[in-house]
Amino acid sequence: MLIHHFQQQYCQKCSRSSSSLSKGGFSLVNFLVGNSLLHNSPNSAMSKTVLNKYLALPVPENRVQATYIWIDGTGGGIRAKDRTLNFVPKEVTDLPIWNYDGSSCYQSEGSNSDTFLHPVAMF
């Protein structure tokens, strides 16, 4: 019912018939996601320009980004941290142990909140 109401409202505003929403593989989901208001905004173009600037930077040899992923202290959230390594690890034991403040992820309280990430898998 909500989709039908949306189709009626959308079609009244843009002078399209409701049947045009299902012609040629066009779907309501594509309209809502692919044609969002922000898709054509100047900020979208600027973001792509900035992204392309950084994607064009040279990547030094033997440097990789390692992403550490873990479940936070609530048991329901996923956390991640990235770091640049000056070598390409061959096995999980090559990866360094990394620490962070566990209180920010609800894994510890108080002044002694250092938490250590021990890598167990590498993909």
C-alpha atoms as a PDB file:
ATOM      1  CA  MET A   1       0.000   0.000   0.000  1.00  0.00           C
ATOM      2  CA  LEU A   2       2.824   2.408   0.855  1.00  0.00           C
ATOM      3  CA  ILE A   3       4.519   1.755  -2.500  1.00  0.00           C
ATOM      4  CA  HIS A   4       1.240   2.319  -4.327  1.00  0.00           C
ATOM      5  CA  HIS A   5       0.770   5.624  -2.451  1.00  0.00           C
ATOM      6  CA  PHE A   6       4.349   6.620  -3.313  1.00  0.00           C
ATOM      7  CA  GLN A   7       3.754   5.796  -6.980  1.00  0.00           C
ATOM      8  CA  GLN A   8       0.659   7.991  -7.042  1.00  0.00           C
ATOM      9  CA  GLN A   9       2.448  10.901  -5.331  1.00  0.00           C
ATOM     10  CA  TYR A  10       5.558  10.563  -7.515  1.00  0.00           C
ATOM     11  CA  CYS A  11       3.556  10.364 -10.730  1.00  0.00           C
ATOM     12  CA  GLN A  12       1.510  13.443  -9.844  1.00  0.00           C
ATOM     13  CA  LYS A  13       4.667  15.483  -9.187  1.00  0.00           C
ATOM     14  CA  CYS A  14       6.608  14.497 -12.287  1.00  0.00           C
ATOM     15  CA  SER A  15       3.750  13.881 -14.747  1.00  0.00           C
ATOM     16  CA  ARG A  16       4.627  10.214 -15.271  1.00  0.00           C
ATOM     17  CA  SER A  17       2.077   7.466 -15.361  1.00  0.00           C
ATOM     18  CA  SER A  18       2.307   4.816 -12.676  1.00  0.00           C
ATOM     19  CA  SER A  19       2.822   2.214 -15.406  1.00  0.00           C
ATOM     20  CA  SER A  20       6.072   3.950 -16.404  1.00  0.00           C
ATOM     21  CA  LEU A  21       7.502   2.929 -13.040  1.00  0.00           C
ATOM     22  CA  SER A  22       7.558  -0.695 -14.122  1.00  0.00           C
ATOM     23  CA  LYS A  23       8.405  -0.376 -17.834  1.00  0.00           C
ATOM     24  CA  GLY A  24      11.742  -1.463 -19.237  1.00  0.00           C
ATOM     25  CA  GLY A  25      13.096  -2.948 -16.021  1.00  0.00           C
ATOM     26  CA  PHE A  26      12.712   0.323 -14.119  1.00  0.00           C
ATOM     27  CA  SER A  27      11.870  -0.373 -10.519  1.00  0.00           C
ATOM     28  CA  LEU A  28      10.860   1.696  -7.549  1.00  0.00           C
ATOM     29  CA  VAL A  29      14.013   0.543  -5.747  1.00  0.00           C
ATOM     30  CA  ASN A  30      16.188   1.888  -8.583  1.00  0.00           C
ATOM     31  CA  PHE A  31      14.375   5.197  -8.359  1.00  0.00           C
ATOM     32  CA  LEU A  32      14.820   5.506  -4.603  1.00  0.00           C
ATOM     33  CA  VAL A  33      18.484   4.458  -4.554  1.00  0.00           C
ATOM     34  CA  GLY A  34      19.921   5.287  -7.967  1.00  0.00           C
ATOM     35  CA  ASN A  35      18.188   8.597  -8.522  1.00  0.00           C
ATOM     36  CA  SER A  36      18.379  10.089  -5.051  1.00  0.00           C
ATOM     37  CA  LEU A  37      18.451  13.829  -4.658  1.00  0.00           C
ATOM     38  CA  LEU A  38      22.116  13.727  -3.654  1.00  0.00           C
ATOM     39  CA  HIS A  39      23.122  11.733  -6.723  1.00  0.00           C
ATOM     40  CA  ASN A  40      23.194  14.854  -8.910  1.00  0.00           C
ATOM     41  CA  SER A  41      24.325  17.344  -6.270  1.00  0.00           C
ATOM     42  CA  PRO A  42      27.527  19.402  -6.636  1.00  0.00           C
ATOM     43  CA  ASN A  43      28.857  17.661  -3.528  1.00  0.00           C
ATOM     44  CA  SER A  44      28.603  14.325  -5.307  1.00  0.00           C
ATOM     45  CA  ALA A  45      30.770  15.596  -8.162  1.00  0.00           C
ATOM     46  CA  MET A  46      33.222  17.132  -5.720  1.00  0.00           C
ATOM     47  CA  SER A  47      33.472  13.865  -3.784  1.00  0.00           C
ATOM     48  CA  LYS A  48      34.314  12.009  -6.979  1.00  0.00           C
ATOM     49  CA  THR A  49      36.947  14.602  -7.878  1.00  0.00           C
ATOM     50  CA  VAL A  50      38.561  14.338  -4.464  1.00  0.00           C
ATOM     51  CA  LEU A  51      38.400  10.543  -4.525  1.00  0.00           C
ATOM     52  CA  ASN A  52      39.980  10.389  -7.986  1.00  0.00           C
ATOM     53  CA  LYS A  53      42.799  12.654  -6.796  1.00  0.00           C
ATOM     54  CA  TYR A  54      43.711  10.171  -4.079  1.00  0.00           C
ATOM     55  CA  LEU A  55      43.176   7.094  -6.247  1.00  0.00           C
ATOM     56  CA  ALA A  56      45.679   8.525  -8.734  1.00  0.00           C
ATOM     57  CA  LEU A  57      48.463   8.755  -6.128  1.00  0.00           C
ATOM     58  CA  PRO A  58      51.306   6.297  -6.688  1.00  0.00           C
ATOM     59  CA  VAL A  59      51.253   3.228  -4.462  1.00  0.00           C
ATOM     60  CA  PRO A  60      54.695   2.349  -3.089  1.00  0.00           C
ATOM     61  CA  GLU A  61      55.858  -1.218  -3.593  1.00  0.00           C
ATOM     62  CA  ASN A  62      55.731  -3.544  -0.604  1.00  0.00           C
ATOM     63  CA  ARG A  63      53.159  -1.415   1.223  1.00  0.00           C
ATOM     64  CA  VAL A  64      49.693  -2.715   2.015  1.00  0.00           C
ATOM     65  CA  GLN A  65      46.702  -1.685   4.079  1.00  0.00           C
ATOM     66  CA  ALA A  66      45.724  -4.192   6.767  1.00  0.00           C
ATOM     67  CA  THR A  67      42.194  -3.998   8.144  1.00  0.00           C
ATOM     68  CA  TYR A  68      41.654  -5.389  11.620  1.00  0.00           C
ATOM     69  CA  ILE A  69      38.015  -6.384  12.264  1.00  0.00           C
ATOM     70  CA  TRP A  70      36.456  -7.422  15.581  1.00  0.00           C
ATOM     71  CA  ILE A  71      33.153  -7.607  17.446  1.00  0.00           C
ATOM     72  CA  ASP A  72      32.739  -4.861  20.034  1.00  0.00           C
ATOM     73  CA  GLY A  73      31.869  -5.268  23.704  1.00  0.00           C
ATOM     74  CA  THR A  74      28.118  -5.189  23.083  1.00  0.00           C
ATOM     75  CA  GLY A  75      28.393  -8.412  21.092  1.00  0.00           C
ATOM     76  CA  GLY A  76      26.366  -6.909  18.257  1.00  0.00           C
ATOM     77  CA  GLY A  77      28.588  -4.279  16.671  1.00  0.00           C
ATOM     78  CA  ILE A  78      31.454  -4.736  14.255  1.00  0.00           C
ATOM     79  CA  ARG A  79      34.507  -2.494  14.554  1.00  0.00           C
ATOM     80  CA  ALA A  80      37.470  -2.008  12.236  1.00  0.00           C
ATOM     81  CA  LYS A  81      40.832  -0.244  12.138  1.00  0.00           C
ATOM     82  CA  ASP A  82      43.223   0.084   9.208  1.00  0.00           C
ATOM     83  CA  ARG A  83      46.968   0.436   9.241  1.00  0.00           C
ATOM     84  CA  THR A  84      49.650   0.666   6.591  1.00  0.00           C
ATOM     85  CA  LEU A  85      52.294  -2.039   6.680  1.00  0.00           C
ATOM     86  CA  ASN A  86      55.736  -1.536   5.138  1.00  0.00           C
ATOM     87  CA  PHE A  87      55.782  -5.155   3.991  1.00  0.00           C
ATOM     88  CA  VAL A  88      53.468  -7.700   2.398  1.00  0.00           C
ATOM     89  CA  PRO A  89      52.567 -10.309   5.033  1.00  0.00           C
ATOM     90  CA  LYS A  90      52.807 -13.912   3.892  1.00  0.00           C
ATOM     91  CA  GLU A  91      50.992 -15.458   6.857  1.00  0.00           C
ATOM     92  CA  VAL A  92      48.904 -14.303   9.796  1.00  0.00           C
ATOM     93  CA  THR A  93      51.849 -14.516  12.210  1.00  0.00           C
ATOM     94  CA  ASP A  94      53.562 -11.764  10.188  1.00  0.00           C
ATOM     95  CA  LEU A  95      50.844  -9.290  11.175  1.00  0.00           C
ATOM     96  CA  PRO A  96      51.607  -7.109  14.203  1.00  0.00           C
ATOM     97  CA  ILE A  97      49.525  -7.132  17.371  1.00  0.00           C
ATOM     98  CA  TRP A  98      47.721  -3.814  17.618  1.00  0.00           C
ATOM     99  CA  ASN A  99      46.239  -2.089  20.644  1.00  0.00           C
ATOM    100  CA  TYR A 100      43.506   0.486  21.158  1.00  0.00           C
ATOM    101  CA  ASP A 101      41.416   2.017  23.939  1.00  0.00           C
ATOM    102  CA  GLY A 102      38.830  -0.675  24.698  1.00  0.00           C
ATOM    103  CA  SER A 103      36.513   1.672  26.597  1.00  0.00           C
ATOM    104  CA  SER A 104      35.460   3.294  23.313  1.00  0.00           C
ATOM    105  CA  CYS A 105      34.103  -0.076  22.132  1.00  0.00           C
ATOM    106  CA  TYR A 106      32.517  -1.095  25.459  1.00  0.00           C
ATOM    107  CA  GLN A 107      35.162  -3.770  26.029  1.00  0.00           C
ATOM    108  CA  SER A 108      36.673  -2.358  29.216  1.00  0.00           C
ATOM    109  CA  GLU A 109      36.085   0.310  31.817  1.00  0.00           C
ATOM    110  CA  GLY A 110      38.268   2.567  33.875  1.00  0.00           C
ATOM    111  CA  SER A 111      41.837   3.695  33.523  1.00  0.00           C
ATOM    112  CA  ASN A 112      43.272   0.344  32.416  1.00  0.00           C
ATOM    113  CA  SER A 113      41.449  -0.012  29.112  1.00  0.00           C
ATOM    114  CA  ASP A 114      44.184  -1.029  26.655  1.00  0.00           C
ATOM    115  CA  THR A 115      42.851  -3.795  24.431  1.00  0.00           C
ATOM    116  CA  PHE A 116      45.050  -5.837  22.098  1.00  0.00           C
ATOM    117  CA  LEU A 117      44.079  -7.152  18.673  1.00  0.00           C
ATOM    118  CA  HIS A 118      45.753 -10.470  17.874  1.00  0.00           C
ATOM    119  CA  PRO A 119      45.208 -11.343  14.190  1.00  0.00           C
ATOM    120  CA  VAL A 120      43.831 -14.862  13.680  1.00  0.00           C
ATOM    121  CA  ALA A 121      42.982 -14.917   9.956  1.00  0.00           C
ATOM    122  CA  MET A 122      44.114 -13.217   6.785  1.00  0.00           C
ATOM    123  CA  PHE A 123      42.160 -12.919   3.535  1.00  0.00           C
END
